[in-house]
Every structure is written in structure tokens, then in C-alpha cells.
């Protein structure tokens, strides 16, 4: 019975520490969910990113073009590229297919 006070004190310390940690986790999860709703940083704080420093980079187009360069059969490669051009005419990409192709081609072949 002598060490009972020490056990209670130690337990209270850990309970309070656990509560503080849970509150901090909830705070950060709530804060990140608010940031995730904006989808773009410049909508949250305009001074963080200016329009001049924004880079419009079409990730889907880039991945599609990487796939295009990985296709080994010429016929399949041509069909794939025609589909990309059709999608560009439908305005499904932010960038030009031809310009992005040249950029990736320079990266692959120097």
C-alpha cells in the first residue's frame, strides 16, 4: 500500500498526456481537411503563391505520354497517339500534346 500514491500519480500523468495528444491529432486532422477542401493553395492564402509562380502541369497527359513512349509496337503507338490528339481536341488536357511530347522526348533521348 505504500506505493499506491506513486501509481496514481503516474497514471494521471499518462491519462492527461493521452488526452493532449488526442486533442492535437484532432486539431491537425481538422486543419488538413480544411486545406484539402480548397484543392489549391492560392485559394487558401493568396500571398503564398502568386499567379506568376504557378505552373500548369498536366499530370495525366504526362503519364499518358510516358505510356506512349513505352509502347513497343509502332501501330499500337500510332493508335494511342491518335487517341491523345482526339482528347486534346475535346479539351481534356491543360497542355498541348505536341509540346509535352517534345519535352518528354528530350528527357528520354537527350
N, C-alpha and C. Protein backbone atom coordinates (compact mmCIF):
# COMPACT_ATOMS: atom_id res chain seq x y z
N UNK A 1 0.79 -1.19 0.00
CA UNK A 1 0.00 0.00 0.00
C UNK A 1 0.84 1.27 0.00
N UNK A 2 2.12 1.16 0.25
CA UNK A 2 2.95 2.35 0.30
C UNK A 2 3.11 3.01 -1.08
N UNK A 3 3.20 2.23 -2.14
CA UNK A 3 3.47 2.75 -3.47
C UNK A 3 2.20 3.14 -4.23
N UNK A 4 1.07 3.12 -3.61
CA UNK A 4 -0.19 3.40 -4.28
C UNK A 4 -0.25 4.85 -4.79
N UNK A 5 0.26 5.81 -4.03
CA UNK A 5 0.25 7.20 -4.45
C UNK A 5 1.10 7.40 -5.70
N UNK A 6 2.20 6.72 -5.78
CA UNK A 6 3.07 6.83 -6.95
C UNK A 6 2.38 6.27 -8.18
N UNK A 7 1.64 5.19 -8.03
CA UNK A 7 0.92 4.60 -9.17
C UNK A 7 -0.19 5.52 -9.65
N UNK A 8 -0.91 6.14 -8.75
CA UNK A 8 -1.99 7.06 -9.12
C UNK A 8 -1.40 8.28 -9.82
N UNK A 9 -0.34 8.83 -9.33
CA UNK A 9 0.29 9.99 -9.95
C UNK A 9 0.80 9.68 -11.35
N UNK A 10 1.40 8.53 -11.50
CA UNK A 10 1.91 8.12 -12.81
C UNK A 10 0.76 7.91 -13.79
N UNK A 11 -0.31 7.29 -13.34
CA UNK A 11 -1.47 7.04 -14.19
C UNK A 11 -2.12 8.34 -14.63
N UNK A 12 -2.28 9.28 -13.73
CA UNK A 12 -2.89 10.58 -14.06
C UNK A 12 -2.04 11.31 -15.10
N UNK A 13 -0.72 11.23 -14.95
CA UNK A 13 0.17 11.87 -15.92
C UNK A 13 -0.04 11.31 -17.31
N UNK A 14 -0.12 9.99 -17.43
CA UNK A 14 -0.31 9.37 -18.75
C UNK A 14 -1.70 9.64 -19.31
N UNK A 15 -2.70 9.68 -18.48
CA UNK A 15 -4.07 9.99 -18.96
C UNK A 15 -4.11 11.41 -19.52
N UNK A 16 -3.54 12.36 -18.83
CA UNK A 16 -3.53 13.75 -19.29
C UNK A 16 -2.71 13.87 -20.57
N UNK A 17 -1.58 13.20 -20.64
CA UNK A 17 -0.75 13.24 -21.85
C UNK A 17 -1.50 12.64 -23.04
N UNK A 18 -2.23 11.57 -22.82
CA UNK A 18 -3.01 10.93 -23.89
C UNK A 18 -4.11 11.87 -24.38
N UNK A 19 -4.78 12.53 -23.47
CA UNK A 19 -5.84 13.48 -23.85
C UNK A 19 -5.26 14.62 -24.68
N UNK A 20 -4.11 15.14 -24.28
CA UNK A 20 -3.47 16.23 -25.02
C UNK A 20 -3.09 15.76 -26.43
N UNK A 21 -2.55 14.55 -26.54
CA UNK A 21 -2.16 14.03 -27.84
C UNK A 21 -3.38 13.85 -28.74
N UNK A 22 -4.47 13.32 -28.21
CA UNK A 22 -5.70 13.13 -29.00
C UNK A 22 -6.26 14.47 -29.47
N UNK A 23 -6.24 15.47 -28.60
CA UNK A 23 -6.72 16.81 -28.98
C UNK A 23 -5.85 17.39 -30.09
N UNK A 24 -4.54 17.23 -29.99
CA UNK A 24 -3.66 17.74 -31.04
C UNK A 24 -3.89 17.01 -32.36
N UNK A 25 -4.09 15.71 -32.33
CA UNK A 25 -4.35 14.96 -33.56
C UNK A 25 -5.65 15.43 -34.19
N UNK A 26 -6.69 15.62 -33.39
CA UNK A 26 -7.96 16.11 -33.92
C UNK A 26 -7.80 17.49 -34.54
N UNK A 27 -7.03 18.36 -33.90
CA UNK A 27 -6.79 19.70 -34.42
C UNK A 27 -6.12 19.63 -35.80
N UNK A 28 -5.08 18.81 -35.93
CA UNK A 28 -4.37 18.72 -37.20
C UNK A 28 -5.20 18.03 -38.28
N UNK A 29 -5.99 17.05 -37.92
CA UNK A 29 -6.86 16.39 -38.90
C UNK A 29 -7.91 17.39 -39.39
N UNK A 30 -8.49 18.16 -38.49
CA UNK A 30 -9.47 19.16 -38.88
C UNK A 30 -8.84 20.23 -39.77
N UNK A 31 -7.65 20.68 -39.40
CA UNK A 31 -6.95 21.69 -40.20
C UNK A 31 -6.60 21.18 -41.58
N UNK A 32 -6.13 19.96 -41.68
CA UNK A 32 -5.79 19.42 -43.00
C UNK A 32 -7.03 19.17 -43.84
N UNK A 33 -8.15 18.83 -43.22
CA UNK A 33 -9.37 18.65 -44.00
C UNK A 33 -9.86 20.00 -44.55
N UNK A 34 -9.66 21.07 -43.80
CA UNK A 34 -10.00 22.40 -44.33
C UNK A 34 -9.12 22.77 -45.51
N UNK A 35 -7.83 22.46 -45.42
CA UNK A 35 -6.93 22.73 -46.53
C UNK A 35 -7.25 21.86 -47.73
N UNK A 36 -7.66 20.63 -47.50
CA UNK A 36 -7.95 19.72 -48.61
C UNK A 36 -9.19 20.17 -49.38
N UNK A 37 -10.10 20.87 -48.74
CA UNK A 37 -11.30 21.33 -49.42
C UNK A 37 -10.98 22.40 -50.46
N UNK A 38 -9.92 23.15 -50.27
CA UNK A 38 -9.61 24.22 -51.21
C UNK A 38 -8.99 23.70 -52.49
N UNK A 39 -8.33 22.56 -52.46
CA UNK A 39 -7.70 21.90 -53.61
C UNK A 39 -6.49 22.66 -54.14
N UNK A 40 -6.41 23.95 -53.97
CA UNK A 40 -5.29 24.74 -54.45
C UNK A 40 -4.84 25.67 -53.34
N UNK A 41 -3.55 25.80 -53.18
CA UNK A 41 -3.01 26.59 -52.08
C UNK A 41 -3.36 28.06 -52.26
N UNK A 42 -3.34 28.57 -53.49
CA UNK A 42 -3.53 30.01 -53.67
C UNK A 42 -4.95 30.45 -53.32
N UNK A 43 -5.90 29.53 -53.24
CA UNK A 43 -7.25 29.91 -52.80
C UNK A 43 -7.30 30.08 -51.29
N UNK A 44 -6.39 29.40 -50.59
CA UNK A 44 -6.37 29.50 -49.13
C UNK A 44 -5.64 30.75 -48.68
N UNK A 45 -4.47 31.00 -49.22
CA UNK A 45 -3.71 32.20 -48.91
C UNK A 45 -3.13 32.73 -50.20
N UNK A 46 -3.63 33.85 -50.63
CA UNK A 46 -3.22 34.37 -51.92
C UNK A 46 -1.76 34.80 -51.94
N UNK A 47 -1.23 35.22 -50.82
CA UNK A 47 0.15 35.71 -50.82
C UNK A 47 1.18 34.57 -50.83
N UNK A 48 0.76 33.34 -50.56
CA UNK A 48 1.70 32.22 -50.57
C UNK A 48 2.16 31.88 -51.98
N UNK A 49 1.25 31.92 -52.94
CA UNK A 49 1.58 31.57 -54.31
C UNK A 49 0.97 32.62 -55.22
N UNK A 50 1.78 33.27 -56.02
CA UNK A 50 1.26 34.24 -56.97
C UNK A 50 0.95 33.56 -58.29
N UNK A 51 0.17 34.21 -59.12
CA UNK A 51 -0.18 33.66 -60.43
C UNK A 51 1.06 33.50 -61.30
N UNK A 52 2.06 34.34 -61.10
CA UNK A 52 3.28 34.25 -61.91
C UNK A 52 4.07 32.98 -61.60
N UNK A 53 4.01 32.52 -60.37
CA UNK A 53 4.80 31.36 -59.99
C UNK A 53 4.05 30.05 -60.17
N UNK A 54 2.78 30.11 -60.55
CA UNK A 54 2.01 28.88 -60.76
C UNK A 54 2.46 28.18 -62.02
N UNK A 55 2.56 26.88 -61.96
CA UNK A 55 2.93 26.08 -63.12
C UNK A 55 1.75 25.16 -63.42
N UNK A 56 1.20 25.31 -64.62
CA UNK A 56 0.14 24.41 -65.02
C UNK A 56 0.77 23.17 -65.63
N UNK A 57 0.73 22.10 -64.91
CA UNK A 57 1.36 20.86 -65.33
C UNK A 57 0.29 19.79 -65.35
N UNK A 58 0.05 19.24 -66.52
CA UNK A 58 -0.99 18.23 -66.68
C UNK A 58 -0.39 16.85 -66.43
N UNK A 59 -0.64 16.33 -65.24
CA UNK A 59 -0.06 15.06 -64.83
C UNK A 59 -0.60 13.90 -65.65
N UNK A 60 -1.89 13.91 -65.96
CA UNK A 60 -2.49 12.82 -66.72
C UNK A 60 -1.92 12.77 -68.13
N UNK A 61 -1.76 13.93 -68.76
CA UNK A 61 -1.17 13.97 -70.08
C UNK A 61 0.27 13.46 -70.05
N UNK A 62 1.02 13.85 -69.06
CA UNK A 62 2.40 13.40 -68.94
C UNK A 62 2.48 11.89 -68.77
N UNK A 63 1.64 11.34 -67.91
CA UNK A 63 1.64 9.88 -67.72
C UNK A 63 1.23 9.18 -69.01
N UNK A 64 0.28 9.74 -69.72
CA UNK A 64 -0.15 9.14 -70.98
C UNK A 64 0.98 9.14 -71.99
N UNK A 65 1.73 10.22 -72.04
CA UNK A 65 2.84 10.29 -72.99
C UNK A 65 3.99 9.37 -72.58
N UNK A 66 4.22 9.19 -71.29
CA UNK A 66 5.21 8.21 -70.86
C UNK A 66 4.79 6.82 -71.32
N UNK A 67 3.49 6.53 -71.22
CA UNK A 67 2.98 5.25 -71.71
C UNK A 67 3.19 5.14 -73.22
N UNK A 68 2.95 6.23 -73.92
CA UNK A 68 3.14 6.26 -75.38
C UNK A 68 4.56 5.87 -75.74
N UNK A 69 5.53 6.39 -75.04
CA UNK A 69 6.93 6.08 -75.34
C UNK A 69 7.32 4.65 -74.93
N UNK A 70 6.56 4.06 -74.02
CA UNK A 70 6.87 2.70 -73.58
C UNK A 70 6.26 1.63 -74.50
N UNK A 71 5.29 2.00 -75.33
CA UNK A 71 4.67 1.04 -76.25
C UNK A 71 5.69 0.65 -77.31
N UNK A 72 5.84 -0.64 -77.53
CA UNK A 72 6.87 -1.12 -78.45
C UNK A 72 6.37 -1.24 -79.90
N UNK A 73 5.11 -1.61 -80.10
CA UNK A 73 4.59 -1.79 -81.45
C UNK A 73 4.23 -0.43 -82.04
N UNK A 74 4.70 -0.18 -83.25
CA UNK A 74 4.51 1.12 -83.91
C UNK A 74 3.03 1.37 -84.19
N UNK A 75 2.32 0.35 -84.62
CA UNK A 75 0.89 0.50 -84.93
C UNK A 75 0.10 0.89 -83.67
N UNK A 76 0.36 0.20 -82.58
CA UNK A 76 -0.31 0.50 -81.32
C UNK A 76 0.07 1.90 -80.82
N UNK A 77 1.33 2.24 -81.02
CA UNK A 77 1.80 3.56 -80.60
C UNK A 77 1.08 4.66 -81.38
N UNK A 78 0.92 4.48 -82.69
CA UNK A 78 0.23 5.47 -83.51
C UNK A 78 -1.24 5.59 -83.12
N UNK A 79 -1.90 4.46 -82.84
CA UNK A 79 -3.30 4.49 -82.41
C UNK A 79 -3.43 5.22 -81.08
N UNK A 80 -2.51 4.96 -80.19
CA UNK A 80 -2.53 5.61 -78.88
C UNK A 80 -2.37 7.12 -79.02
N UNK A 81 -1.45 7.54 -79.89
CA UNK A 81 -1.21 8.96 -80.09
C UNK A 81 -2.43 9.64 -80.73
N UNK A 82 -3.10 8.94 -81.64
CA UNK A 82 -4.32 9.49 -82.25
C UNK A 82 -5.40 9.71 -81.19
N UNK A 83 -5.50 8.78 -80.24
CA UNK A 83 -6.47 8.94 -79.16
C UNK A 83 -6.12 10.15 -78.29
N UNK A 84 -4.83 10.35 -78.04
CA UNK A 84 -4.42 11.53 -77.27
C UNK A 84 -4.77 12.82 -78.00
N UNK A 85 -4.57 12.83 -79.31
CA UNK A 85 -4.92 14.02 -80.09
C UNK A 85 -6.43 14.28 -80.08
N UNK A 86 -7.23 13.21 -80.13
CA UNK A 86 -8.69 13.37 -80.04
C UNK A 86 -9.07 13.97 -78.68
N UNK A 87 -8.43 13.48 -77.64
CA UNK A 87 -8.72 14.00 -76.31
C UNK A 87 -8.31 15.46 -76.19
N UNK A 88 -7.24 15.83 -76.87
CA UNK A 88 -6.81 17.24 -76.85
C UNK A 88 -7.85 18.11 -77.55
N UNK A 89 -8.40 17.64 -78.65
CA UNK A 89 -9.44 18.39 -79.36
C UNK A 89 -10.70 18.55 -78.50
N UNK A 90 -10.95 17.58 -77.64
CA UNK A 90 -12.08 17.65 -76.72
C UNK A 90 -11.75 18.49 -75.48
N UNK A 91 -10.55 19.06 -75.46
CA UNK A 91 -10.07 19.91 -74.37
C UNK A 91 -10.04 19.20 -73.02
N UNK A 92 -9.54 17.98 -73.03
CA UNK A 92 -9.43 17.22 -71.78
C UNK A 92 -8.08 17.43 -71.12
N UNK A 93 -7.15 18.11 -71.80
CA UNK A 93 -5.82 18.37 -71.24
C UNK A 93 -5.61 19.87 -71.10
N UNK A 94 -4.77 20.25 -70.15
CA UNK A 94 -4.40 21.65 -69.97
C UNK A 94 -3.30 22.07 -70.93
N UNK A 95 -2.42 21.14 -71.26
CA UNK A 95 -1.26 21.42 -72.09
C UNK A 95 -1.48 20.93 -73.51
N UNK A 96 -0.57 21.33 -74.37
CA UNK A 96 -0.55 20.84 -75.73
C UNK A 96 0.12 19.47 -75.77
N UNK A 97 -0.48 18.54 -76.46
CA UNK A 97 0.08 17.19 -76.54
C UNK A 97 1.44 17.22 -77.24
N UNK A 98 1.53 17.99 -78.31
CA UNK A 98 2.77 18.04 -79.09
C UNK A 98 3.91 18.66 -78.28
N UNK A 99 3.62 19.75 -77.58
CA UNK A 99 4.67 20.40 -76.79
C UNK A 99 5.14 19.51 -75.64
N UNK A 100 4.20 18.88 -74.94
CA UNK A 100 4.56 17.99 -73.84
C UNK A 100 5.32 16.78 -74.36
N UNK A 101 4.94 16.30 -75.57
CA UNK A 101 5.63 15.15 -76.17
C UNK A 101 7.09 15.50 -76.44
N UNK A 102 7.32 16.68 -77.00
CA UNK A 102 8.69 17.11 -77.29
C UNK A 102 9.51 17.22 -76.01
N UNK A 103 8.90 17.76 -74.96
CA UNK A 103 9.59 17.92 -73.70
C UNK A 103 9.98 16.58 -73.09
N UNK A 104 9.06 15.64 -73.11
CA UNK A 104 9.35 14.31 -72.56
C UNK A 104 10.35 13.58 -73.44
N UNK A 105 10.23 13.77 -74.74
CA UNK A 105 11.15 13.12 -75.68
C UNK A 105 12.58 13.61 -75.44
N UNK A 106 12.74 14.91 -75.19
CA UNK A 106 14.06 15.44 -74.87
C UNK A 106 14.60 14.82 -73.59
N UNK A 107 13.72 14.57 -72.62
CA UNK A 107 14.15 13.95 -71.37
C UNK A 107 14.57 12.51 -71.56
N UNK A 108 13.87 11.79 -72.41
CA UNK A 108 14.20 10.40 -72.67
C UNK A 108 15.44 10.23 -73.53
N UNK A 109 15.51 10.99 -74.61
CA UNK A 109 16.53 10.77 -75.62
C UNK A 109 17.61 11.83 -75.68
N UNK A 110 17.52 12.80 -74.79
CA UNK A 110 18.57 13.82 -74.70
C UNK A 110 18.54 14.87 -75.67
